[in-house]
Protein backbone atom coordinates (compact mmCIF):
# COMPACT_ATOMS: atom_id res chain seq x y z
CA MET A 1 -34.79 176.80 16.35
CA LYS A 2 -31.90 174.58 15.30
CA ASN A 3 -31.54 171.13 16.73
CA SER A 4 -28.70 170.64 19.20
CA SER A 5 -27.28 167.40 20.53
CA GLN A 6 -28.49 168.09 24.09
CA LYS A 7 -32.15 167.63 24.85
CA THR A 8 -34.23 170.30 26.55
CA TYR A 9 -37.04 169.28 28.89
CA LEU A 10 -40.00 171.61 29.40
CA ILE A 11 -42.08 170.68 32.43
CA SER A 12 -45.59 171.89 33.21
CA SER A 13 -48.52 170.75 35.33
CA ASP A 14 -52.20 171.38 36.01
CA ILE A 15 -53.07 172.78 32.58
CA HIS A 16 -56.74 172.08 33.35
CA GLY A 17 -58.14 172.53 29.87
CA PHE A 18 -56.45 175.89 29.17
CA PHE A 19 -54.82 174.97 25.86
CA ASP A 20 -54.21 178.50 24.51
CA GLU A 21 -52.59 179.60 27.77
CA TRP A 22 -50.36 176.52 27.74
CA MET A 23 -49.30 177.11 24.14
CA LYS A 24 -48.44 180.72 24.96
CA ALA A 25 -46.32 179.61 27.94
CA LEU A 26 -44.50 176.99 25.84
CA GLU A 27 -43.81 179.52 23.12
CA GLU A 28 -42.38 181.98 25.66
CA ALA A 29 -40.22 179.15 27.04
CA GLY A 30 -38.79 178.53 23.58
CA PHE A 31 -40.54 175.26 22.78
CA ASP A 32 -40.25 174.25 19.13
CA LYS A 33 -42.70 171.59 17.98
CA GLU A 34 -40.40 170.67 15.12
CA ASN A 35 -37.31 170.26 17.29
CA SER A 36 -36.87 166.58 18.14
CA ASN A 37 -34.68 167.50 21.13
CA HIS A 38 -37.49 169.37 22.86
CA ILE A 39 -39.22 167.01 25.30
CA LEU A 40 -42.42 167.81 27.21
CA ILE A 41 -43.04 166.51 30.73
CA VAL A 42 -46.63 166.99 31.91
CA LEU A 43 -47.37 166.29 35.58
CA GLY A 44 -51.07 165.53 35.24
CA ASP A 45 -54.41 167.35 35.46
CA ILE A 46 -54.70 168.18 31.77
CA PHE A 47 -58.53 168.33 31.95
CA ASP A 48 -61.30 170.13 33.92
CA ARG A 49 -62.06 173.85 34.42
CA GLY A 50 -60.84 175.20 31.08
CA ARG A 51 -62.79 174.86 27.81
CA GLN A 52 -60.18 173.20 25.58
CA PRO A 53 -59.57 169.66 26.87
CA LEU A 54 -60.01 168.21 23.38
CA GLU A 55 -57.30 170.49 21.96
CA ILE A 56 -54.87 169.41 24.69
CA TYR A 57 -55.63 165.75 24.03
CA LYS A 58 -55.10 166.09 20.27
CA PHE A 59 -51.88 168.07 20.74
CA LEU A 60 -50.33 165.47 23.05
CA ARG A 61 -51.44 162.53 20.92
CA ASN A 62 -49.98 164.14 17.78
CA LEU A 63 -46.64 164.79 19.48
CA PRO A 64 -44.22 161.87 18.89
CA ILE A 65 -44.39 159.49 21.82
CA GLU A 66 -40.65 159.78 22.49
CA ARG A 67 -41.12 163.54 23.04
CA ARG A 68 -43.77 163.36 25.75
CA ILE A 69 -43.57 162.09 29.32
CA LEU A 70 -46.96 161.99 31.03
CA VAL A 71 -47.53 161.63 34.78
CA ARG A 72 -51.07 160.90 35.99
CA GLY A 73 -52.82 163.44 38.23
CA ASN A 74 -55.89 163.27 40.40
CA HIS A 75 -58.10 164.81 37.70
CA GLU A 76 -57.28 162.00 35.28
CA GLN A 77 -58.56 159.70 38.01
CA LEU A 78 -61.68 161.85 38.51
CA LEU A 79 -62.54 161.52 34.82
CA LYS A 80 -62.13 157.74 34.94
CA ASP A 81 -64.20 157.50 38.13
CA LEU A 82 -67.06 159.56 36.67
CA VAL A 83 -67.27 157.52 33.47
CA ASN A 84 -67.00 154.18 35.30
CA ARG A 85 -69.63 155.26 37.84
CA GLY A 86 -72.00 156.42 35.11
CA PHE A 87 -73.44 159.37 37.01
CA ALA A 88 -72.12 162.61 38.48
CA GLU A 89 -71.62 163.35 42.16
CA SER A 90 -71.27 166.80 43.73
CA HIS A 91 -67.45 166.86 43.49
CA ASP A 92 -67.66 166.18 39.74
CA TYR A 93 -69.42 169.53 39.34
CA HIS A 94 -67.08 171.33 41.75
CA ASN A 95 -63.95 170.04 40.00
CA GLY A 96 -65.25 170.70 36.50
CA THR A 97 -65.25 167.06 35.42
CA VAL A 98 -68.90 167.17 34.30
CA ASP A 99 -68.19 170.07 31.94
CA THR A 100 -65.17 168.15 30.59
CA ILE A 101 -67.53 165.34 29.54
CA PHE A 102 -69.69 167.83 27.64
CA GLN A 103 -66.65 169.60 26.12
CA LEU A 104 -65.26 166.31 24.82
CA ASN A 105 -68.62 165.89 23.08
CA GLY A 106 -68.49 169.27 21.33
CA TYR A 107 -70.33 171.46 23.86
CA HIS A 108 -68.87 174.37 25.83
CA SER A 109 -70.42 173.11 29.06
CA GLU A 110 -73.49 171.41 30.52
CA LYS A 111 -75.33 174.75 30.34
CA ASP A 112 -74.53 174.93 26.62
CA PHE A 113 -76.07 171.47 26.16
CA ASP A 114 -79.24 172.52 28.01
CA HIS A 115 -79.39 175.79 26.05
CA ARG A 116 -79.30 173.92 22.73
CA TYR A 117 -82.06 171.60 23.96
CA PHE A 118 -84.41 174.47 24.80
CA LYS A 119 -83.44 176.41 21.67
CA GLU A 120 -84.31 173.48 19.39
CA LEU A 121 -87.49 172.82 21.37
CA THR A 122 -88.57 176.44 20.88
CA GLU A 123 -87.66 176.48 17.19
CA LYS A 124 -89.67 173.32 16.51
CA GLY A 125 -92.67 174.72 18.39
CA LEU A 126 -93.60 171.32 19.79
CA ILE A 127 -96.71 171.11 21.93
CA TYR A 128 -96.25 169.78 25.47
CA GLY A 129 -97.55 166.24 25.93
CA THR A 130 -97.76 165.33 22.22
CA THR A 131 -96.05 162.28 20.73
CA GLU A 132 -93.64 164.55 18.85
CA TYR A 133 -92.73 166.29 22.11
CA GLN A 134 -92.14 162.99 23.92
CA ASN A 135 -89.98 161.69 21.06
CA PHE A 136 -87.97 164.90 21.08
CA LYS A 137 -87.35 164.60 24.83
CA LYS A 138 -86.38 160.95 24.45
CA LYS A 139 -83.84 161.82 21.73
CA TRP A 140 -82.16 164.43 23.93
CA ARG A 141 -82.26 162.17 27.00
CA ASN A 142 -80.48 159.45 25.04
CA ARG A 143 -78.02 162.00 23.74
CA ARG A 144 -77.17 163.01 27.31
CA LYS A 145 -76.99 159.38 28.45
CA ASN A 146 -74.56 158.47 25.66
CA LEU A 147 -72.17 161.35 26.33
CA MET A 148 -69.86 159.27 28.53
CA THR A 149 -69.56 156.44 26.01
CA ASN A 150 -68.68 158.46 22.95
CA LYS A 151 -65.67 157.36 20.89
CA THR A 152 -63.38 160.19 21.97
CA ILE A 153 -63.91 159.62 25.70
CA VAL A 154 -63.35 155.86 25.33
CA GLU A 155 -60.11 156.60 23.46
CA ILE A 156 -58.96 159.06 26.13
CA LEU A 157 -59.60 156.63 28.98
CA ASP A 158 -57.74 153.85 27.15
CA TRP A 159 -54.89 156.29 26.58
CA ILE A 160 -54.74 157.33 30.26
CA ASP A 161 -54.64 153.64 31.26
CA SER A 162 -51.89 152.88 28.75
CA ASN A 163 -48.15 152.64 29.38
CA GLU A 164 -47.75 156.16 27.99
CA TRP A 165 -48.78 157.42 31.42
CA CYS A 166 -46.91 156.75 34.64
CA ASN A 167 -47.19 157.52 38.35
CA TYR A 168 -43.74 159.13 38.47
CA TYR A 169 -40.73 159.84 36.30
CA GLU A 170 -37.29 159.69 37.90
CA THR A 171 -33.89 160.91 36.74
CA GLY A 172 -30.54 161.09 38.47
CA ARG A 173 -31.40 164.40 40.12
CA TYR A 174 -35.20 164.77 40.05
CA ILE A 175 -38.42 162.89 40.78
CA PHE A 176 -41.38 164.18 38.76
CA VAL A 177 -44.80 163.51 40.33
CA HIS A 178 -48.22 165.09 40.33
CA SER A 179 -48.28 165.93 44.05
CA TYR A 180 -45.85 163.84 46.12
CA ILE A 181 -44.41 160.37 46.51
CA PRO A 182 -46.43 157.86 48.59
CA LEU A 183 -45.75 158.13 52.31
CA ARG A 184 -46.42 155.76 55.16
CA LYS A 185 -49.03 156.46 57.83
CA PHE A 186 -47.47 155.72 61.19
CA ILE A 187 -48.92 155.10 64.63
CA ASN A 188 -47.26 153.05 67.32
CA PHE A 189 -48.51 152.40 70.80
CA ALA A 190 -45.94 150.53 72.86
CA LYS A 191 -44.93 149.93 76.44
CA SER A 192 -42.10 152.15 77.62
CA GLU A 193 -39.14 151.31 79.79
CA TRP A 194 -40.56 153.25 82.74
CA ASN A 195 -43.85 151.39 83.24
CA GLY A 196 -45.86 153.80 81.19
CA TYR A 197 -47.01 154.00 77.63
CA ILE A 198 -45.51 156.03 74.81
CA VAL A 199 -47.31 157.14 71.69
CA TYR A 200 -45.09 157.84 68.72
CA ASP A 201 -47.15 160.21 66.65
CA LYS A 202 -46.26 160.95 63.04
CA PRO A 203 -49.06 161.74 60.62
CA LYS A 204 -46.82 160.49 57.79
CA GLU A 205 -43.30 159.16 57.48
CA TYR A 206 -40.91 158.59 54.60
CA ARG A 207 -41.05 155.12 53.11
CA GLU A 208 -37.97 153.65 51.46
CA ASP A 209 -40.04 151.49 49.12
CA TRP A 210 -42.18 154.30 47.68
CA ARG A 211 -41.31 153.16 44.14
CA ASP A 212 -43.07 149.87 44.86
CA ALA A 213 -46.31 151.52 46.02
CA THR A 214 -49.54 150.18 44.55
CA ASP A 215 -51.62 152.18 42.07
CA GLU A 216 -54.12 152.82 44.87
CA GLU A 217 -51.36 154.25 47.08
CA TRP A 218 -50.21 156.45 44.23
CA ASP A 219 -53.79 157.64 43.68
CA ASN A 220 -53.93 158.66 47.34
CA ALA A 221 -50.56 160.41 47.07
CA LYS A 222 -51.91 162.59 44.23
CA TRP A 223 -54.14 164.42 46.74
CA GLY A 224 -51.42 165.38 49.25
CA CYS A 225 -50.07 168.81 50.17
CA PRO A 226 -46.45 168.98 48.91
CA TRP A 227 -45.30 172.03 50.85
CA GLN A 228 -46.50 170.55 54.16
CA TYR A 229 -44.61 167.32 53.52
CA GLU A 230 -41.49 169.26 52.60
CA GLU A 231 -41.83 171.35 55.75
CA GLN A 232 -41.98 168.15 57.79
CA GLY A 233 -38.82 166.82 56.15
CA LEU A 234 -40.52 163.84 54.52
CA ASN A 235 -38.43 163.85 51.35
CA ARG A 236 -35.48 161.58 52.16
CA THR A 237 -34.83 160.54 48.56
CA GLY A 238 -31.71 162.67 48.12
CA LYS A 239 -33.38 164.15 45.02
CA THR A 240 -35.60 167.12 44.25
CA ILE A 241 -39.32 166.43 43.89
CA VAL A 242 -40.92 168.43 41.08
CA CYS A 243 -44.70 168.61 41.46
CA GLY A 244 -47.93 170.38 40.61
CA HIS A 245 -51.36 169.92 42.24
CA TRP A 246 -51.09 172.74 44.79
CA HIS A 247 -50.94 176.41 43.76
CA THR A 248 -47.47 177.76 44.42
CA SER A 249 -48.56 180.91 46.25
CA ASP A 250 -49.22 178.60 49.22
CA PHE A 251 -45.64 177.31 48.97
CA PHE A 252 -44.27 180.84 49.23
CA ASN A 253 -46.73 182.03 51.88
CA ASN A 254 -46.20 179.05 54.19
CA LEU A 255 -42.53 178.25 53.64
CA ILE A 256 -40.83 181.53 52.74
CA TYR A 257 -43.08 184.37 53.93
CA LYS A 258 -44.75 182.58 56.86
CA ASN A 259 -44.00 185.43 59.28
CA GLU A 260 -44.13 188.21 56.69
CA LYS A 261 -47.78 188.57 55.73
CA SER A 262 -47.08 191.80 53.85
CA LYS A 263 -45.20 189.70 51.28
CA HIS A 264 -47.92 187.06 50.86
CA LEU A 265 -48.85 186.26 47.28
CA ASP A 266 -52.45 186.43 46.07
CA VAL A 267 -53.49 183.04 44.68
CA ARG A 268 -55.69 184.79 42.10
CA VAL A 269 -52.80 186.85 40.75
CA SER A 270 -49.37 185.36 41.31
CA ASN A 271 -48.25 181.73 41.41
CA PRO A 272 -44.69 181.66 40.02
CA ILE A 273 -42.50 178.56 39.98
CA PHE A 274 -41.48 177.71 43.55
CA LYS A 275 -37.72 177.16 43.96
CA SER A 276 -35.83 177.96 47.13
CA ASP A 277 -32.34 177.30 48.50
CA LYS A 278 -34.00 176.88 51.89
CA TYR A 279 -36.06 173.97 50.54
CA PRO A 280 -33.90 172.38 47.85
CA GLY A 281 -35.95 169.19 47.86
CA LEU A 282 -39.06 170.71 46.26
CA ILE A 283 -40.05 172.59 43.11
CA GLY A 284 -43.71 173.57 42.67
CA LEU A 285 -45.33 174.37 39.31
CA ASP A 286 -49.11 174.76 39.71
CA ALA A 287 -49.96 178.32 38.59
CA CYS A 288 -53.66 178.02 39.51
CA THR A 289 -54.38 178.58 35.84
CA ALA A 290 -58.16 178.85 36.28
CA ALA A 291 -57.57 182.06 38.27
CA THR A 292 -54.37 183.49 36.76
CA LEU A 293 -54.71 182.29 33.13
CA LYS A 294 -51.01 181.42 33.27
CA VAL A 295 -49.13 178.14 33.02
CA ASN A 296 -45.69 177.70 34.55
CA VAL A 297 -43.01 175.98 32.46
CA LEU A 298 -39.81 174.74 34.10
CA ILE A 299 -36.87 174.37 31.66
CA LEU A 300 -34.15 171.82 32.36
CA LYS A 301 -31.26 170.76 30.15
CA GLU A 302 -30.45 167.09 29.81
CA SER A 303 -27.21 167.54 31.76
CA GLU A 304 -29.14 169.09 34.68
CA LEU A 305 -31.68 166.30 34.63
CA TRP A 306 -29.34 163.37 34.99
CA THR A 307 -26.39 164.73 36.97
CA TRP A 308 -26.85 163.47 40.52
CA ILE A 309 -26.27 166.08 43.23
CA PRO A 310 -27.26 164.89 46.72
CA VAL A 311 -29.91 167.17 48.18
CA LYS A 312 -29.59 167.98 51.86
CA HIS A 313 -33.16 168.06 53.06
CA VAL A 314 -34.23 170.41 55.82
CA ILE A 315 -36.27 168.86 58.64
CA ILE A 316 -38.40 171.50 60.29
CA PHE A 317 -40.46 169.24 62.54
CA GLU A 318 -38.92 166.66 64.83
CA TRP A 319 -41.50 164.18 66.07
CA LYS A 320 -40.68 162.79 69.52
CA SER A 321 -42.11 160.20 71.87
CA VAL A 322 -43.71 161.57 74.99
CA LYS A 323 -45.33 160.15 78.12
CA ILE A 324 -48.93 159.35 77.55
CA GLU A 325 -50.07 161.46 80.52
CA LYS A 326 -48.63 164.55 78.83
CA LEU A 327 -49.48 163.68 75.25
CA ARG A 328 -50.99 166.36 73.02
CA ILE A 329 -52.15 165.25 69.63
CA ASN A 330 -51.41 167.90 67.02
CA THR A 331 -52.52 166.17 63.85
CA LYS A 332 -55.46 163.94 62.98
CA ILE A 333 -54.27 161.10 60.82
CA TRP A 334 -57.68 160.04 59.49
CA ILE A 335 -61.29 160.13 60.61
CA MET A 336 -62.77 156.73 61.39
CA ILE A 337 -65.75 155.56 63.39
CA TYR A 338 -65.68 152.20 65.15
CA THR A 339 -68.14 150.04 67.00
CA TYR A 340 -66.78 148.55 70.22
CA SER A 341 -65.87 145.23 68.56
CA GLU A 342 -64.14 147.04 65.69
CA ALA A 343 -62.21 149.21 68.17
CA ILE A 344 -61.03 146.10 70.04
CA ARG A 345 -59.83 144.55 66.78
CA LYS A 346 -58.04 147.80 65.95
CA PHE A 347 -56.33 148.45 69.30
CA GLY A 348 -55.92 144.90 70.62
CA THR A 349 -57.49 144.91 74.07
CA ASP A 350 -60.01 146.81 76.15
CA TYR A 351 -57.11 148.13 78.24
CA ASN A 352 -55.37 149.55 75.15
CA LEU A 353 -58.63 151.12 74.05
CA LYS A 354 -58.96 152.88 77.39
CA GLN A 355 -55.38 154.13 77.11
CA PHE A 356 -56.14 155.63 73.73
CA LEU A 357 -59.28 157.23 75.15
CA SER A 358 -57.33 158.74 78.04
CA CYS A 359 -54.83 160.40 75.72
CA LYS A 360 -57.58 161.52 73.33
CA LYS A 361 -56.23 159.50 70.49
CA ILE A 362 -59.76 158.22 70.09
CA TYR A 363 -63.07 159.50 71.49
CA LYS A 364 -66.18 157.79 72.77
CA ILE A 365 -69.04 159.51 70.99
CA GLY A 366 -71.91 157.26 72.00
CA ASP A 367 -72.85 153.97 73.58
CA GLY A 368 -70.40 151.51 72.05
CA VAL A 369 -69.29 153.97 69.35
CA TYR A 370 -65.81 155.48 69.02
CA SER A 371 -64.23 157.97 66.65
CA THR A 372 -60.81 159.39 65.81
CA GLU A 373 -62.54 162.78 65.64
CA SER A 374 -63.97 164.36 68.79
CA ASN A 375 -67.00 165.75 66.97
CA PRO A 376 -67.72 163.80 63.78
CA LYS A 377 -70.68 164.64 61.60
CA SER A 378 -73.94 163.19 62.85
CA ILE A 379 -74.60 161.46 59.54
CA GLU A 380 -71.30 159.54 59.92
CA ILE A 381 -72.37 158.28 63.33
CA PHE A 382 -75.82 157.39 62.05
CA LEU A 383 -74.44 155.32 59.16
CA LYS A 384 -72.11 153.41 61.50
CA THR A 385 -74.85 152.64 64.05
CA HIS A 386 -77.50 151.89 61.40
CA PRO A 387 -75.89 149.54 58.87
CA ASN A 388 -77.65 148.15 55.79
CA ILE A 389 -80.15 150.99 55.48
CA ILE A 390 -81.12 153.17 52.49
CA PHE A 391 -82.29 156.76 52.75
CA THR A 392 -85.67 157.44 51.19
CA LEU A 393 -88.46 160.05 50.97
CA GLU A 394 -87.62 163.34 52.79
CA SER A 395 -84.02 162.30 53.54
CA ALA A 396 -83.30 161.11 50.01
CA LEU A 397 -85.02 164.12 48.43
CA TYR A 398 -82.82 166.43 50.49
CA TYR A 399 -79.56 164.61 49.76
CA LEU A 400 -80.40 164.47 46.04
CA GLY A 401 -81.00 168.23 45.98
CA ILE A 402 -84.65 167.87 44.99
CA SER A 403 -85.79 169.64 48.16
CA ASP A 404 -83.84 172.17 50.21
CA GLU A 405 -85.87 171.41 53.34
CA ILE A 406 -83.63 169.69 55.91
CA PRO A 407 -85.60 166.75 57.33
CA SER A 408 -86.10 166.68 61.08
CA LYS A 409 -85.81 162.88 61.10
CA TYR A 410 -83.82 160.27 59.25
CA VAL A 411 -86.19 158.49 56.85
CA ILE A 412 -84.83 155.05 55.99
CA VAL A 413 -85.86 151.74 54.52
CA SER A 414 -84.36 148.35 55.30
CA ASP A 415 -84.96 144.65 54.84
CA LYS A 416 -87.93 143.18 56.72
CA ASP A 417 -85.58 141.10 58.87
CA SER A 418 -83.36 144.03 59.83
CA THR A 419 -83.10 145.57 63.28
CA LYS A 420 -86.01 147.78 64.21
CA TYR A 421 -84.71 151.15 65.33
CA LYS A 422 -86.68 152.90 68.04
CA GLU A 423 -85.00 156.33 68.14
CA LYS A 424 -87.34 159.30 68.01
CA ASN A 425 -85.37 160.86 65.15
CA VAL A 426 -85.82 157.84 62.85
CA ILE A 427 -88.71 156.90 60.56
CA GLN A 428 -88.15 153.37 59.33
CA TYR A 429 -89.92 151.48 56.55
CA PHE A 430 -89.46 147.79 55.82
CA CYS A 431 -89.34 146.06 52.45
CA ASN A 432 -90.32 142.41 52.00
CA ASP A 433 -88.69 142.06 48.58
CA LYS A 434 -84.87 142.23 48.68
CA ARG A 435 -84.68 142.85 44.95
CA LEU A 436 -87.11 145.74 45.24
CA LEU A 437 -85.17 147.09 48.22
CA THR A 438 -81.98 147.60 46.19
CA LEU A 439 -83.64 148.77 42.98
CA GLY A 440 -82.15 152.14 42.01
CA VAL A 441 -79.75 152.41 44.96
CA ILE A 442 -76.71 154.66 44.40
CA LYS A 443 -73.77 155.78 46.53
CA LEU A 444 -74.02 159.55 46.82
CA SER A 445 -71.30 161.86 48.14
CA HIS A 446 -72.79 164.42 50.53
CA ASN A 447 -70.37 166.83 52.23
CA GLY A 448 -67.58 164.32 51.69
CA ILE A 449 -69.55 161.39 53.14
CA THR A 450 -70.79 158.50 50.99
CA ILE A 451 -74.40 157.63 51.72
CA PRO A 452 -76.77 154.97 50.28
CA VAL A 453 -79.79 156.59 48.66
CA TYR A 454 -82.24 155.93 45.85
CA ASN A 455 -81.65 157.74 42.55
CA LYS A 456 -84.01 160.42 41.22
CA GLU A 457 -85.94 157.98 39.04
CA ARG A 458 -86.66 155.59 41.92
CA MET A 459 -87.51 158.53 44.19
CA LEU A 460 -90.11 159.74 41.70
CA VAL A 461 -91.79 156.35 42.06
CA GLU A 462 -91.51 156.52 45.88
CA VAL A 463 -93.01 160.02 46.04
CA LEU A 464 -96.01 158.93 43.98
CA ARG A 465 -96.38 155.73 46.05
CA TYR A 466 -96.30 157.55 49.38
CA LYS A 467 -98.12 160.71 48.39
CA ASN A 468 -100.41 160.50 51.41
CA LYS A 469 -97.47 160.25 53.83
CA LEU A 470 -96.00 163.57 52.68
CA PRO A 471 -97.29 167.05 53.63
CA TYR A 472 -99.38 168.48 50.79
CA ASP A 473 -97.22 171.57 50.16
CA TYR A 474 -94.03 169.53 50.36
CA TYR A 475 -95.42 167.00 47.87
CA LYS A 476 -96.34 169.76 45.43
CA GLU A 477 -92.84 171.27 45.73
CA VAL A 478 -91.28 167.93 44.84
CA ILE A 479 -93.62 167.37 41.90
CA ARG A 480 -92.82 170.88 40.68
CA TYR A 481 -89.11 169.98 40.73
CA TYR A 482 -89.69 166.92 38.56
CA ARG A 483 -91.80 168.95 36.12
CA ASP A 484 -89.06 171.58 35.83
CA HIS A 485 -86.37 168.94 35.23
CA LEU A 486 -88.21 166.54 32.91
CA TYR A 487 -85.35 166.36 30.45
CA GLU A 488 -82.98 165.18 33.19
CA ILE A 489 -85.13 162.21 34.20
CA ASP A 490 -84.74 158.86 32.47
CA PHE A 491 -88.40 157.86 32.11
CA GLU A 492 -87.48 154.58 30.46
CA LEU A 493 -85.74 153.72 33.72
CA VAL A 494 -88.82 154.85 35.66
CA GLU A 495 -90.98 152.54 33.53
CA SER A 496 -88.60 149.62 34.15
CA TYR A 497 -88.85 150.24 37.91
CA LEU A 498 -92.64 150.33 37.80
CA LYS A 499 -92.78 146.78 36.47
CA SER A 500 -91.55 145.58 39.87
CA PHE A 501 -94.27 147.29 41.93
CA PRO A 502 -97.62 145.65 42.74
CA LYS A 503 -99.67 148.86 42.26
CA LYS A 504 -97.97 150.01 39.09
CA ASP A 505 -101.23 151.09 37.38
CA PHE A 506 -101.97 153.55 40.18
CA ILE A 507 -98.43 154.96 40.04
CA GLN A 508 -98.47 155.20 36.23
CA ARG A 509 -101.75 157.13 36.36
CA ALA A 510 -100.33 159.56 38.92
CA LEU A 511 -97.16 159.93 36.85
CA ARG A 512 -99.15 160.78 33.73
CA ASP A 513 -101.60 163.13 35.45
CA GLU A 514 -99.26 165.01 37.79
CA VAL A 515 -95.80 164.96 36.26
CA LEU A 516 -95.98 164.49 32.49
């Protein structure tokens, strides 16, 4: 393709590791790698789910910097969070970030890594329990541990944090983002002119200073639902927002074919570029590539990009103030749980709190406990009413996925000076040594809720310590789990924990006889 004086911009989003599919889409769109006037704009989420994240990384890095515009997505943040945290949580598996770590180290997936481990173990014919076997396990454990610090991953994270990436890219006519621009949460509770109270209820509102939003606010904006915000008329920029993040079939089904279900698009089959005269303020690109094996590419000429044409935005919802006695809350803004003192700090006075309760803006869910959700999860309430505790034994083993038996009681441990809880559904242990109390504590995401719990290595020590407090069959089930997952356990970490326990010889003997 011959070079022309006018640049051509090719925009795509949510490639998610599908390099071949992206290259095919770019080729069909007329992209020429040798043409200096062909510019790529990528709206984030280049990793996770597909098997070629390394190829995408190398392609973008080898493209001249002046020919690539990169906007961060939520999956770039997920990769950073996983590496910085040092261990995987449930959403890292669901979103494919764990497999991305393995793929960037030369494996197809985590299963491929495990397969190679067992294949080499079988080929070597090592005898269980021998020194050679232990050394082999240690080598593979260290290999797994070092995956997140390999040279390529360090380079990628430095690259994502560099000035090559941005939160948004703006031209005279368009704003390119991953999901949406930052919006302002809005609640106001004020006295009305007729001796009553009015609640102005908007789940979000347009903010004039969105360009000045913090990185944290931009990170939150990357998780939003673009078509819902467009439907609510929250784009007041006068420009068209071009985004990815949300598969476009939902844009069509909820904005265009809302009342025509026979025309609904199947997310697994069809997610074309969303453009509509009815909603001129939004263009959606996410093709749900993991399902469709397609990548959408929007083509814009330089003249289209910079020519400013005011966009008349359609406001579908009009949010109005209403008398508090007749108020109906349609949208939950966030879910929070407050103690009484926290609720007073939040709402100002006890009288205001009661007003919010009467209009069901907040709910009393227990003695001195309030929530913005009428029926929050019991674990959320428990964590609010039992601060500074750590889940252990049956509770921890369940949350860690070691046992699938749901405990009938919360089993917790706390500092010796902590409050003693007398509820019938609580088993509480006390620890005299504050350093020992926090040894091996992690923050684990369980059904979207972050809970404090001991890691698997510390729990192995706890199970052996409290063997007599656990039912025999349950204990054997847990020990069987550890035997079946030996290569996942960092026994050097276990040994380091044991040094802090007074009866370490007893625990070491049980570890050797029953687990190893």
